[in-house]
Every structure is written in structure tokens, then in C-alpha cells.
Amino acid sequence: MASAIGLRVYRIGVHARGNPSLVAFDDDDLSQSVPDFIAAFMKLHSTVVQNDALERSWYFEEKDEDGPGNSQGYVHYGTFGFESNFIDTKTKEHNYRRKTTDIEEIPLFYEFWCPENSSFGFAAFQSFQGRSCIGLVMTKMKEAFENANPNHILSFKKLLPNDAKGSAYYSAPVKQLRLIKRKAPSDIADRYFDNPSPEPIDFEIIMSARRRRNLGDLTSLLNSVKSGGAKSVITHDGIDFPEAVAEIRVGNRTRRVGVLGFTGDAGVIDVTDVIVRGSDGHPTFESLKKESDTILRDFYDTMEGSKE
């Protein structure tokens, strides 16, 4: 199976310490505008940034830009610190023994977009086989911004399906909802299988709409099945499911989106089936650019519309 490709979308905002209200990106109290800061930060980090404690590295390669704060390209994300063998999958021949000082780099797509006359912007980051550089990049950006602006905070808010009016998902029609409970206890297995000594299982329930129909919009559906209280689960037939994936309409396509998840999958938009892969096995830049542009525009239109 091809490696899963996902996009995570974040709202970029700035607010004064002690006041959660967003300030304009060109606020006079800032050392420079947010778009100018993003452009300068990327230029400063276009060579390898190495974190020896985490055994990770990264740097920006800009491929396309449309003014300060509007940029697309790759974050080259690297891992190092351990040895491994490289073996040809066809010949089974041993090609190379990786050293602890070798960095394995993969290109991960990114996009920054700062719409004109708006108090918020967007960042989109690609994941590949579950690997992502988001935490490293965001931590460094926040640190740099807040060092230059000690009275302000730079925030990255992951846009989740259940963010209602803050998300492009809230009114999206749902074609399918998949509830997942990994390593379900043996008593659940015993309910469905005639086994005197049931083992823990991975348990899933899939609800699908009939052709040309849907299960309702995502917010209404979640409100009808989501458990009350502080638990981050969906309850169905007395069973708590901590993971959920929905197929919904976002960005003019039906997409798989993480609704809940322990491993950071919540909010991930799965684009595996719509991108084009190059001969290197990675998504082409143009195919990711097309998907990201469409998704961010949809987020922006929804969030601006919610103000009216």
C-alpha cells in the first residue's frame, strides 16, 4: 500500500499577553509585520537546523512565493543518530550501512498564507508515513517571534472538524463515519464472538450513507453520537471509541479527515488518493500545491463567512 499522505492545517494568530483577542498582522506594537517575520524566518532557516538532543534536522526550501508571508515549498526533515542497513528491495543486495552521523532527509510540503486585511493566516504541513516536522518548526518560530515581541504571543491553532464555526468542516456532508477502538478489551470481543477465551481485538464500526445521500453534516452527526463529559471519545452502543475518521466534502472533494485520535491524527486531511507521486515515491510539488491551495481557500471562505 502506498504511504499515507496527510495535510494538517493551522490558523496563525498573534495576541497580546493576557488578552486572547487577535491583533492585526501589521499592528504598530509589533517589531515587524507577521508576513515580514515569516519571510525573514524562512530565509534565516534555509540552511540545516540541527537538533542533537532530538536527533532531528530541518530547513526550508522555498519553491514558490507571492509576497511576504505567502510561500510554498518543502521543509527537508532529517533523522540521524542511529545505524541501519540499506538493502535493494529487488536484488536483496546490501547497498550501504548508514552511520550515526548520516542524516536521512525527506521533503515535506509546507504552505504559509497571510490573506490581505485579515487578523489571521494559515499554515499547512504535510506528513509522510506518520512523520512530520511541525513541532520543530512551530517551536522555533514561536521562540523567534516572542523574543522579538516579548509582549505578544504567536499562536498556531490546529483546525479540527469539531471547531464548528472556526472550521471548514462544520457544515460538510458526511458520506461515511468510521469509529475505531484499538486493543479493545476481551469483554467486547466476547459480545460478538463465541470464544470461551477471547483475546483483545481492534474493533471498528463503519456507518456509510447510501448512494447520493449523506449521514448529515459533521457537527450535527458528532453532537448526536459524541459522549458527554470531559472524555474525548465517541460513544456508540455503550462502547467508547477514542478514534474516528470521517469521509466528508472539503475543498470540492470527498476527503478522509481525522475527527478524533490519540496520535495526532485529529484534523489530518488525507490526500493520499488525490496527489500524484513522482518517480522518487514522494508527492509532486504541483499536486500538493493544488490540494493545499484549495483546502486553505475553503477554510478562509468558511471562517470569513462565520463573521457575517
C-alpha atoms as a PDB file:
ATOM      1  CA  MET A   1       0.000   0.000   0.000  1.00  0.00           C
ATOM      2  CA  ALA A   2       1.286   3.488  -0.837  1.00  0.00           C
ATOM      3  CA  SER A   3       2.482   5.639   2.057  1.00  0.00           C
ATOM      4  CA  ALA A   4      -0.285   7.745   3.588  1.00  0.00           C
ATOM      5  CA  ILE A   5      -0.033  11.461   2.787  1.00  0.00           C
ATOM      6  CA  GLY A   6      -1.822  13.956   5.025  1.00  0.00           C
ATOM      7  CA  LEU A   7      -2.113  17.722   5.386  1.00  0.00           C
ATOM      8  CA  ARG A   8      -2.534  19.465   8.723  1.00  0.00           C
ATOM      9  CA  VAL A   9      -3.911  23.000   8.667  1.00  0.00           C
ATOM     10  CA  TYR A  10      -3.270  25.617  11.346  1.00  0.00           C
ATOM     11  CA  ARG A  11      -4.586  29.108  11.947  1.00  0.00           C
ATOM     12  CA  ILE A  12      -1.775  31.574  12.633  1.00  0.00           C
ATOM     13  CA  GLY A  13      -2.637  34.377  15.038  1.00  0.00           C
ATOM     14  CA  VAL A  14      -0.991  36.961  17.288  1.00  0.00           C
ATOM     15  CA  HIS A  15      -2.349  38.332  20.556  1.00  0.00           C
ATOM     16  CA  ALA A  16      -1.029  40.437  23.414  1.00  0.00           C
ATOM     17  CA  ARG A  17      -0.136  38.565  26.584  1.00  0.00           C
ATOM     18  CA  GLY A  18      -3.163  38.430  28.855  1.00  0.00           C
ATOM     19  CA  ASN A  19      -5.575  39.325  26.038  1.00  0.00           C
ATOM     20  CA  PRO A  20      -6.779  36.497  23.746  1.00  0.00           C
ATOM     21  CA  SER A  21      -8.142  38.868  21.068  1.00  0.00           C
ATOM     22  CA  LEU A  22      -6.152  38.668  17.843  1.00  0.00           C
ATOM     23  CA  VAL A  23      -4.285  41.783  16.751  1.00  0.00           C
ATOM     24  CA  ALA A  24      -3.727  42.917  13.174  1.00  0.00           C
ATOM     25  CA  PHE A  25      -0.707  41.413  11.440  1.00  0.00           C
ATOM     26  CA  ASP A  26       0.680  44.930  10.905  1.00  0.00           C
ATOM     27  CA  ASP A  27      -0.028  46.153  14.454  1.00  0.00           C
ATOM     28  CA  ASP A  28       2.197  49.104  15.400  1.00  0.00           C
ATOM     29  CA  ASP A  29       3.314  47.378  18.612  1.00  0.00           C
ATOM     30  CA  LEU A  30       4.975  44.537  16.673  1.00  0.00           C
ATOM     31  CA  SER A  31       8.654  44.732  15.732  1.00  0.00           C
ATOM     32  CA  GLN A  32       7.661  43.909  12.137  1.00  0.00           C
ATOM     33  CA  SER A  33       4.530  42.691  10.386  1.00  0.00           C
ATOM     34  CA  VAL A  34       3.734  38.988  10.676  1.00  0.00           C
ATOM     35  CA  PRO A  35       4.149  38.371   6.897  1.00  0.00           C
ATOM     36  CA  ASP A  36       7.575  40.050   7.013  1.00  0.00           C
ATOM     37  CA  PHE A  37       8.510  37.965  10.061  1.00  0.00           C
ATOM     38  CA  ILE A  38       7.542  34.734   8.272  1.00  0.00           C
ATOM     39  CA  ALA A  39       9.577  35.689   5.194  1.00  0.00           C
ATOM     40  CA  ALA A  40      12.623  36.599   7.307  1.00  0.00           C
ATOM     41  CA  PHE A  41      12.305  33.443   9.426  1.00  0.00           C
ATOM     42  CA  MET A  42      12.261  31.238   6.345  1.00  0.00           C
ATOM     43  CA  LYS A  43      15.290  32.962   4.841  1.00  0.00           C
ATOM     44  CA  LEU A  44      17.183  32.587   8.121  1.00  0.00           C
ATOM     45  CA  HIS A  45      16.360  28.860   8.246  1.00  0.00           C
ATOM     46  CA  SER A  46      17.152  27.930   4.644  1.00  0.00           C
ATOM     47  CA  THR A  47      20.249  26.047   5.823  1.00  0.00           C
ATOM     48  CA  VAL A  48      20.241  22.971   8.049  1.00  0.00           C
ATOM     49  CA  VAL A  49      18.958  23.449  11.609  1.00  0.00           C
ATOM     50  CA  GLN A  50      20.245  20.519  13.651  1.00  0.00           C
ATOM     51  CA  ASN A  51      18.801  19.416  16.993  1.00  0.00           C
ATOM     52  CA  ASP A  52      21.306  16.990  18.513  1.00  0.00           C
ATOM     53  CA  ALA A  53      19.155  16.260  21.568  1.00  0.00           C
ATOM     54  CA  LEU A  54      16.239  15.072  19.407  1.00  0.00           C
ATOM     55  CA  GLU A  55      18.489  13.733  16.611  1.00  0.00           C
ATOM     56  CA  ARG A  56      16.453  15.669  14.066  1.00  0.00           C
ATOM     57  CA  SER A  57      17.240  18.312  11.444  1.00  0.00           C
ATOM     58  CA  TRP A  58      15.241  20.559   9.126  1.00  0.00           C
ATOM     59  CA  TYR A  59      15.457  23.516   6.747  1.00  0.00           C
ATOM     60  CA  PHE A  60      13.226  25.380   4.283  1.00  0.00           C
ATOM     61  CA  GLU A  61      13.420  25.165   0.506  1.00  0.00           C
ATOM     62  CA  GLU A  62      11.064  27.764  -0.973  1.00  0.00           C
ATOM     63  CA  LYS A  63       9.630  26.770  -4.357  1.00  0.00           C
ATOM     64  CA  ASP A  64       7.000  29.456  -4.902  1.00  0.00           C
ATOM     65  CA  GLU A  65       6.129  32.783  -3.271  1.00  0.00           C
ATOM     66  CA  ASP A  66       3.636  35.584  -3.764  1.00  0.00           C
ATOM     67  CA  GLY A  67       4.861  38.337  -1.487  1.00  0.00           C
ATOM     68  CA  PRO A  68       5.913  38.248   2.196  1.00  0.00           C
ATOM     69  CA  GLY A  69       4.118  35.602   4.236  1.00  0.00           C
ATOM     70  CA  ASN A  70       2.807  33.758   1.177  1.00  0.00           C
ATOM     71  CA  SER A  71       5.109  30.865   0.450  1.00  0.00           C
ATOM     72  CA  GLN A  72       5.102  27.223  -0.620  1.00  0.00           C
ATOM     73  CA  GLY A  73       7.886  24.705  -0.782  1.00  0.00           C
ATOM     74  CA  TYR A  74       9.495  21.963   1.252  1.00  0.00           C
ATOM     75  CA  VAL A  75      10.731  21.510   4.759  1.00  0.00           C
ATOM     76  CA  HIS A  76      13.550  18.991   4.414  1.00  0.00           C
ATOM     77  CA  TYR A  77      13.131  16.888   7.546  1.00  0.00           C
ATOM     78  CA  GLY A  78      16.016  14.697   8.668  1.00  0.00           C
ATOM     79  CA  THR A  79      16.721  11.981  11.212  1.00  0.00           C
ATOM     80  CA  PHE A  80      20.125  10.801  12.412  1.00  0.00           C
ATOM     81  CA  GLY A  81      21.845   9.222  15.383  1.00  0.00           C
ATOM     82  CA  PHE A  82      21.488   5.505  14.579  1.00  0.00           C
ATOM     83  CA  GLU A  83      22.940   2.958  12.175  1.00  0.00           C
ATOM     84  CA  SER A  84      20.890   0.982   9.668  1.00  0.00           C
ATOM     85  CA  ASN A  85      21.302  -1.124   6.531  1.00  0.00           C
ATOM     86  CA  PHE A  86      20.098  -0.062   3.084  1.00  0.00           C
ATOM     87  CA  ILE A  87      19.092  -3.099   1.020  1.00  0.00           C
ATOM     88  CA  ASP A  88      17.783  -3.172  -2.569  1.00  0.00           C
ATOM     89  CA  THR A  89      14.194  -4.480  -2.499  1.00  0.00           C
ATOM     90  CA  LYS A  90      14.611  -6.166  -5.905  1.00  0.00           C
ATOM     91  CA  THR A  91      18.090  -7.691  -5.746  1.00  0.00           C
ATOM     92  CA  LYS A  92      18.192  -8.037  -1.936  1.00  0.00           C
ATOM     93  CA  GLU A  93      21.759  -6.793  -2.127  1.00  0.00           C
ATOM     94  CA  HIS A  94      23.233  -4.789   0.720  1.00  0.00           C
ATOM     95  CA  ASN A  95      23.874  -1.298  -0.670  1.00  0.00           C
ATOM     96  CA  TYR A  96      25.027   0.758   2.273  1.00  0.00           C
ATOM     97  CA  ARG A  97      25.482   0.820   6.035  1.00  0.00           C
ATOM     98  CA  ARG A  98      24.198   4.108   7.381  1.00  0.00           C
ATOM     99  CA  LYS A  99      26.381   5.743  10.024  1.00  0.00           C
ATOM    100  CA  THR A 100      25.109   7.516  13.133  1.00  0.00           C
ATOM    101  CA  THR A 101      26.241  10.820  11.617  1.00  0.00           C
ATOM    102  CA  ASP A 102      24.297  10.311   8.354  1.00  0.00           C
ATOM    103  CA  ILE A 103      21.097  12.343   8.031  1.00  0.00           C
ATOM    104  CA  GLU A 104      18.147  10.748   6.233  1.00  0.00           C
ATOM    105  CA  GLU A 105      16.140  13.618   4.709  1.00  0.00           C
ATOM    106  CA  ILE A 106      12.631  13.581   3.280  1.00  0.00           C
ATOM    107  CA  PRO A 107      10.886  16.551   1.612  1.00  0.00           C
ATOM    108  CA  LEU A 108       7.665  17.600   3.364  1.00  0.00           C
ATOM    109  CA  PHE A 109       5.419  20.186   1.698  1.00  0.00           C
ATOM    110  CA  TYR A 110       4.559  23.392   3.540  1.00  0.00           C
ATOM    111  CA  GLU A 111       2.463  26.465   2.799  1.00  0.00           C
ATOM    112  CA  PHE A 112       2.136  29.801   4.587  1.00  0.00           C
ATOM    113  CA  TRP A 113      -0.655  32.143   3.520  1.00  0.00           C
ATOM    114  CA  CYS A 114      -1.470  35.539   5.029  1.00  0.00           C
ATOM    115  CA  PRO A 115      -4.655  36.899   3.388  1.00  0.00           C
ATOM    116  CA  GLU A 116      -4.761  40.667   2.966  1.00  0.00           C
ATOM    117  CA  ASN A 117      -6.591  42.734   5.607  1.00  0.00           C
ATOM    118  CA  SER A 118      -7.020  39.724   7.883  1.00  0.00           C
ATOM    119  CA  SER A 119      -6.048  39.201  11.518  1.00  0.00           C
ATOM    120  CA  PHE A 120      -5.149  35.570  10.916  1.00  0.00           C
ATOM    121  CA  GLY A 121      -3.168  33.487   8.456  1.00  0.00           C
ATOM    122  CA  PHE A 122      -2.721  29.817   7.648  1.00  0.00           C
ATOM    123  CA  ALA A 123      -0.014  27.198   7.713  1.00  0.00           C
ATOM    124  CA  ALA A 124      -0.303  23.782   6.088  1.00  0.00           C
ATOM    125  CA  PHE A 125       2.194  20.988   6.677  1.00  0.00           C
ATOM    126  CA  GLN A 126       2.463  17.591   5.027  1.00  0.00           C
ATOM    127  CA  SER A 127       3.011  14.333   6.865  1.00  0.00           C
ATOM    128  CA  PHE A 128       4.570  11.247   5.259  1.00  0.00           C
ATOM    129  CA  GLN A 129       4.313   7.752   6.757  1.00  0.00           C
ATOM    130  CA  GLY A 130       3.359   9.413  10.036  1.00  0.00           C
ATOM    131  CA  ARG A 131       6.484  11.593  10.030  1.00  0.00           C
ATOM    132  CA  SER A 132       6.099  15.320  10.441  1.00  0.00           C
ATOM    133  CA  CYS A 133       8.316  18.320  11.217  1.00  0.00           C
ATOM    134  CA  ILE A 134       5.508  20.519  12.561  1.00  0.00           C
ATOM    135  CA  GLY A 135       6.573  20.588  16.195  1.00  0.00           C
ATOM    136  CA  LEU A 136      10.178  21.530  15.433  1.00  0.00           C
ATOM    137  CA  VAL A 137       9.250  24.353  13.050  1.00  0.00           C
ATOM    138  CA  MET A 138       6.493  25.845  15.202  1.00  0.00           C
ATOM    139  CA  THR A 139       8.575  25.799  18.372  1.00  0.00           C
ATOM    140  CA  LYS A 140      11.396  27.654  16.628  1.00  0.00           C
ATOM    141  CA  MET A 141       9.006  30.186  15.043  1.00  0.00           C
ATOM    142  CA  LYS A 142       7.258  30.965  18.332  1.00  0.00           C
ATOM    143  CA  GLU A 143      10.590  31.348  20.099  1.00  0.00           C
ATOM    144  CA  ALA A 144      11.945  33.747  17.459  1.00  0.00           C
ATOM    145  CA  PHE A 145       8.750  35.822  17.296  1.00  0.00           C
ATOM    146  CA  GLU A 146       8.301  36.134  21.044  1.00  0.00           C
ATOM    147  CA  ASN A 147      11.959  37.029  21.577  1.00  0.00           C
ATOM    148  CA  ALA A 148      11.429  39.943  19.182  1.00  0.00           C
ATOM    149  CA  ASN A 149       7.968  40.734  20.633  1.00  0.00           C
ATOM    150  CA  PRO A 150       8.058  39.909  24.369  1.00  0.00           C
ATOM    151  CA  ASN A 151       4.588  41.366  24.968  1.00  0.00           C
ATOM    152  CA  HIS A 152       2.907  39.232  22.300  1.00  0.00           C
ATOM    153  CA  ILE A 153       2.292  35.548  21.603  1.00  0.00           C
ATOM    154  CA  LEU A 154       2.396  33.827  18.209  1.00  0.00           C
ATOM    155  CA  SER A 155      -0.181  31.020  18.135  1.00  0.00           C
ATOM    156  CA  PHE A 156      -0.781  28.049  15.856  1.00  0.00           C
ATOM    157  CA  LYS A 157      -4.256  26.588  16.286  1.00  0.00           C
ATOM    158  CA  LYS A 158      -4.874  23.241  14.633  1.00  0.00           C
ATOM    159  CA  LEU A 159      -8.183  23.464  12.769  1.00  0.00           C
ATOM    160  CA  LEU A 160     -10.242  20.464  13.811  1.00  0.00           C
ATOM    161  CA  PRO A 161     -13.521  19.107  12.460  1.00  0.00           C
ATOM    162  CA  ASN A 162     -15.361  19.883  15.699  1.00  0.00           C
ATOM    163  CA  ASP A 163     -14.231  23.525  15.801  1.00  0.00           C
ATOM    164  CA  ALA A 164     -17.698  24.415  14.449  1.00  0.00           C
ATOM    165  CA  LYS A 165     -17.679  27.993  13.179  1.00  0.00           C
ATOM    166  CA  GLY A 166     -13.899  28.098  13.297  1.00  0.00           C
ATOM    167  CA  SER A 167     -13.555  25.277  10.794  1.00  0.00           C
ATOM    168  CA  ALA A 168     -14.312  24.452   7.192  1.00  0.00           C
ATOM    169  CA  TYR A 169     -15.671  21.101   8.294  1.00  0.00           C
ATOM    170  CA  TYR A 170     -18.644  22.058  10.414  1.00  0.00           C
ATOM    171  CA  SER A 171     -21.268  22.062   7.657  1.00  0.00           C
ATOM    172  CA  ALA A 172     -19.614  19.422   5.468  1.00  0.00           C
ATOM    173  CA  PRO A 173     -21.848  16.494   4.454  1.00  0.00           C
ATOM    174  CA  VAL A 174     -20.584  13.169   5.787  1.00  0.00           C
ATOM    175  CA  LYS A 175     -20.522  10.158   3.472  1.00  0.00           C
ATOM    176  CA  GLN A 176     -19.005   7.747   5.975  1.00  0.00           C
ATOM    177  CA  LEU A 177     -18.036   7.672   9.651  1.00  0.00           C
ATOM    178  CA  ARG A 178     -15.568   5.095  10.917  1.00  0.00           C
ATOM    179  CA  LEU A 179     -15.248   4.528  14.688  1.00  0.00           C
ATOM    180  CA  ILE A 180     -12.081   2.807  15.910  1.00  0.00           C
ATOM    181  CA  LYS A 181     -11.125   1.220  19.221  1.00  0.00           C
ATOM    182  CA  ARG A 182      -7.701  -0.398  19.183  1.00  0.00           C
ATOM    183  CA  LYS A 183      -6.882  -3.221  21.590  1.00  0.00           C
ATOM    184  CA  ALA A 184     -10.488  -3.448  22.725  1.00  0.00           C
ATOM    185  CA  PRO A 185     -10.845  -5.492  25.936  1.00  0.00           C
ATOM    186  CA  SER A 186     -11.844  -9.129  25.789  1.00  0.00           C
ATOM    187  CA  ASP A 187     -15.370  -8.460  27.093  1.00  0.00           C
ATOM    188  CA  ILE A 188     -16.144  -6.535  23.879  1.00  0.00           C
ATOM    189  CA  ALA A 189     -14.817  -9.405  21.773  1.00  0.00           C
ATOM    190  CA  ASP A 190     -16.932 -11.800  23.822  1.00  0.00           C
ATOM    191  CA  ARG A 191     -20.100  -9.869  22.867  1.00  0.00           C
ATOM    192  CA  TYR A 192     -19.583 -10.675  19.188  1.00  0.00           C
ATOM    193  CA  PHE A 193     -17.651 -13.959  19.083  1.00  0.00           C
ATOM    194  CA  ASP A 194     -18.431 -17.320  20.652  1.00  0.00           C
ATOM    195  CA  ASN A 195     -14.994 -17.817  22.130  1.00  0.00           C
ATOM    196  CA  PRO A 196     -14.518 -19.073  25.703  1.00  0.00           C
ATOM    197  CA  SER A 197     -11.149 -17.269  25.943  1.00  0.00           C
ATOM    198  CA  PRO A 198     -11.481 -14.116  23.828  1.00  0.00           C
ATOM    199  CA  GLU A 199      -8.368 -12.053  23.113  1.00  0.00           C
ATOM    200  CA  PRO A 200      -8.222  -8.238  22.860  1.00  0.00           C
ATOM    201  CA  ILE A 201      -9.073  -7.050  19.348  1.00  0.00           C
ATOM    202  CA  ASP A 202      -9.011  -3.930  17.173  1.00  0.00           C
ATOM    203  CA  PHE A 203     -12.703  -3.043  16.879  1.00  0.00           C
ATOM    204  CA  GLU A 204     -14.237  -0.821  14.184  1.00  0.00           C
ATOM    205  CA  ILE A 205     -17.750   0.254  13.242  1.00  0.00           C
ATOM    206  CA  ILE A 206     -18.396   1.818   9.826  1.00  0.00           C
ATOM    207  CA  MET A 207     -21.542   3.829   9.057  1.00  0.00           C
ATOM    208  CA  SER A 208     -21.989   4.650   5.349  1.00  0.00           C
ATOM    209  CA  ALA A 209     -24.649   6.691   3.561  1.00  0.00           C
ATOM    210  CA  ARG A 210     -26.491   5.247   0.597  1.00  0.00           C
ATOM    211  CA  ARG A 211     -25.657   6.457  -2.901  1.00  0.00           C
ATOM    212  CA  ARG A 212     -26.306  10.204  -3.437  1.00  0.00           C
ATOM    213  CA  ARG A 213     -27.164  10.603   0.236  1.00  0.00           C
ATOM    214  CA  ASN A 214     -25.211  11.517   3.352  1.00  0.00           C
ATOM    215  CA  LEU A 215     -25.290  10.972   7.096  1.00  0.00           C
ATOM    216  CA  GLY A 216     -25.874  14.672   7.766  1.00  0.00           C
ATOM    217  CA  ASP A 217     -23.408  17.475   8.370  1.00  0.00           C
ATOM    218  CA  LEU A 218     -20.415  16.683  10.548  1.00  0.00           C
ATOM    219  CA  THR A 219     -21.313  18.900  13.508  1.00  0.00           C
ATOM    220  CA  SER A 220     -24.851  17.526  13.812  1.00  0.00           C
ATOM    221  CA  LEU A 221     -23.581  13.977  13.482  1.00  0.00           C
ATOM    222  CA  LEU A 222     -20.942  14.419  16.176  1.00  0.00           C
ATOM    223  CA  ASN A 223     -23.408  16.109  18.518  1.00  0.00           C
ATOM    224  CA  SER A 224     -25.767  13.158  18.148  1.00  0.00           C
ATOM    225  CA  VAL A 225     -23.187  10.484  18.981  1.00  0.00           C
ATOM    226  CA  LYS A 226     -20.425  12.170  20.988  1.00  0.00           C
ATOM    227  CA  SER A 227     -20.122  11.290  24.650  1.00  0.00           C
ATOM    228  CA  GLY A 228     -20.758  13.948  27.252  1.00  0.00           C
ATOM    229  CA  GLY A 229     -18.334  14.933  29.961  1.00  0.00           C
ATOM    230  CA  ALA A 230     -14.636  15.571  29.533  1.00  0.00           C
ATOM    231  CA  LYS A 231     -13.899  12.347  27.662  1.00  0.00           C
ATOM    232  CA  SER A 232     -12.572  12.847  24.155  1.00  0.00           C
ATOM    233  CA  VAL A 233     -14.449   9.888  22.705  1.00  0.00           C
ATOM    234  CA  ILE A 234     -17.469   8.992  20.621  1.00  0.00           C
ATOM    235  CA  THR A 235     -19.828   6.553  22.320  1.00  0.00           C
ATOM    236  CA  HIS A 236     -21.838   4.068  20.264  1.00  0.00           C
ATOM    237  CA  ASP A 237     -23.860   1.150  21.637  1.00  0.00           C
ATOM    238  CA  GLY A 238     -22.257   1.614  25.045  1.00  0.00           C
ATOM    239  CA  ILE A 239     -18.694   1.435  23.696  1.00  0.00           C
ATOM    240  CA  ASP A 240     -16.277   4.390  23.823  1.00  0.00           C
ATOM    241  CA  PHE A 241     -14.314   4.911  20.608  1.00  0.00           C
ATOM    242  CA  PRO A 242     -11.248   7.178  21.052  1.00  0.00           C
ATOM    243  CA  GLU A 243     -10.554   7.365  17.309  1.00  0.00           C
ATOM    244  CA  ALA A 244     -12.827   8.397  14.446  1.00  0.00           C
ATOM    245  CA  VAL A 245     -12.329   9.072  10.739  1.00  0.00           C
ATOM    246  CA  ALA A 246     -14.959  10.747   8.549  1.00  0.00           C
ATOM    247  CA  GLU A 247     -15.298  10.977   4.786  1.00  0.00           C
ATOM    248  CA  ILE A 248     -16.597  14.493   4.160  1.00  0.00           C
ATOM    249  CA  ARG A 249     -16.735  17.140   1.474  1.00  0.00           C
ATOM    250  CA  VAL A 250     -13.852  19.616   1.902  1.00  0.00           C
ATOM    251  CA  GLY A 251     -12.202  21.673  -0.798  1.00  0.00           C
ATOM    252  CA  ASN A 252     -14.503  20.391  -3.562  1.00  0.00           C
ATOM    253  CA  ARG A 253     -13.534  16.779  -2.923  1.00  0.00           C
ATOM    254  CA  THR A 254     -14.603  13.931  -0.687  1.00  0.00           C
ATOM    255  CA  ARG A 255     -11.748  13.575   1.789  1.00  0.00           C
ATOM    256  CA  ARG A 256     -10.877  11.376   4.746  1.00  0.00           C
ATOM    257  CA  VAL A 257     -10.390  13.501   7.839  1.00  0.00           C
ATOM    258  CA  GLY A 258      -9.335  12.526  11.344  1.00  0.00           C
ATOM    259  CA  VAL A 259     -12.057  13.567  13.803  1.00  0.00           C
ATOM    260  CA  LEU A 260     -10.580  12.108  16.994  1.00  0.00           C
ATOM    261  CA  GLY A 261      -7.292  10.388  17.673  1.00  0.00           C
ATOM    262  CA  PHE A 262      -4.637   9.805  20.313  1.00  0.00           C
ATOM    263  CA  THR A 263      -1.704  10.020  17.889  1.00  0.00           C
ATOM    264  CA  GLY A 264      -2.306  13.483  16.452  1.00  0.00           C
ATOM    265  CA  ASP A 265      -4.487  12.211  13.605  1.00  0.00           C
ATOM    266  CA  ALA A 266      -7.351  14.526  14.560  1.00  0.00           C
ATOM    267  CA  GLY A 267      -7.638  17.229  11.941  1.00  0.00           C
ATOM    268  CA  VAL A 268      -5.419  15.482   9.387  1.00  0.00           C
ATOM    269  CA  ILE A 269      -6.812  15.712   5.850  1.00  0.00           C
ATOM    270  CA  ASP A 270      -5.903  12.560   3.920  1.00  0.00           C
ATOM    271  CA  VAL A 271      -4.839  13.428   0.351  1.00  0.00           C
ATOM    272  CA  THR A 272      -3.247  10.068  -0.460  1.00  0.00           C
ATOM    273  CA  ASP A 273      -5.704   9.231  -3.233  1.00  0.00           C
ATOM    274  CA  VAL A 274      -5.651  12.611  -4.999  1.00  0.00           C
ATOM    275  CA  ILE A 275      -1.972  13.542  -5.181  1.00  0.00           C
ATOM    276  CA  VAL A 276       0.440  12.480  -7.933  1.00  0.00           C
ATOM    277  CA  ARG A 277       3.612  10.650  -6.954  1.00  0.00           C
ATOM    278  CA  GLY A 278       6.946  11.188  -8.662  1.00  0.00           C
ATOM    279  CA  SER A 279       9.498   8.526  -9.551  1.00  0.00           C
ATOM    280  CA  ASP A 280      11.060   9.072  -6.103  1.00  0.00           C
ATOM    281  CA  GLY A 281       7.880   7.883  -4.355  1.00  0.00           C
ATOM    282  CA  HIS A 282       7.089  11.325  -2.944  1.00  0.00           C
ATOM    283  CA  PRO A 283       4.108  13.508  -3.947  1.00  0.00           C
ATOM    284  CA  THR A 284       4.918  16.009  -6.673  1.00  0.00           C
ATOM    285  CA  PHE A 285       5.085  19.638  -5.627  1.00  0.00           C
ATOM    286  CA  GLU A 286       2.387  20.733  -8.079  1.00  0.00           C
ATOM    287  CA  SER A 287      -0.138  18.118  -6.916  1.00  0.00           C
ATOM    288  CA  LEU A 288       0.328  19.078  -3.254  1.00  0.00           C
ATOM    289  CA  LYS A 289       0.232  22.782  -4.098  1.00  0.00           C
ATOM    290  CA  LYS A 290      -3.108  22.307  -5.859  1.00  0.00           C
ATOM    291  CA  GLU A 291      -4.657  20.451  -2.921  1.00  0.00           C
ATOM    292  CA  SER A 292      -3.283  22.830  -0.302  1.00  0.00           C
ATOM    293  CA  ASP A 293      -4.441  25.941  -2.194  1.00  0.00           C
ATOM    294  CA  THR A 294      -7.964  24.554  -2.473  1.00  0.00           C
ATOM    295  CA  ILE A 295      -8.159  23.495   1.171  1.00  0.00           C
ATOM    296  CA  LEU A 296      -6.814  26.775   2.582  1.00  0.00           C
ATOM    297  CA  ARG A 297      -9.154  28.814   0.399  1.00  0.00           C
ATOM    298  CA  ASP A 298     -12.069  26.744   1.672  1.00  0.00           C
ATOM    299  CA  PHE A 299     -11.001  27.338   5.282  1.00  0.00           C
ATOM    300  CA  TYR A 300     -10.653  31.062   4.668  1.00  0.00           C
ATOM    301  CA  ASP A 301     -14.053  31.402   2.976  1.00  0.00           C
ATOM    302  CA  THR A 302     -15.738  29.498   5.809  1.00  0.00           C
ATOM    303  CA  MET A 303     -14.048  31.443   8.598  1.00  0.00           C
ATOM    304  CA  GLU A 304     -14.695  34.814   6.967  1.00  0.00           C
ATOM    305  CA  GLY A 305     -18.308  33.827   6.341  1.00  0.00           C
ATOM    306  CA  SER A 306     -18.779  32.929  10.009  1.00  0.00           C
ATOM    307  CA  LYS A 307     -18.072  36.578  10.936  1.00  0.00           C
ATOM    308  CA  GLU A 308     -21.027  37.866   8.932  1.00  0.00           C
END
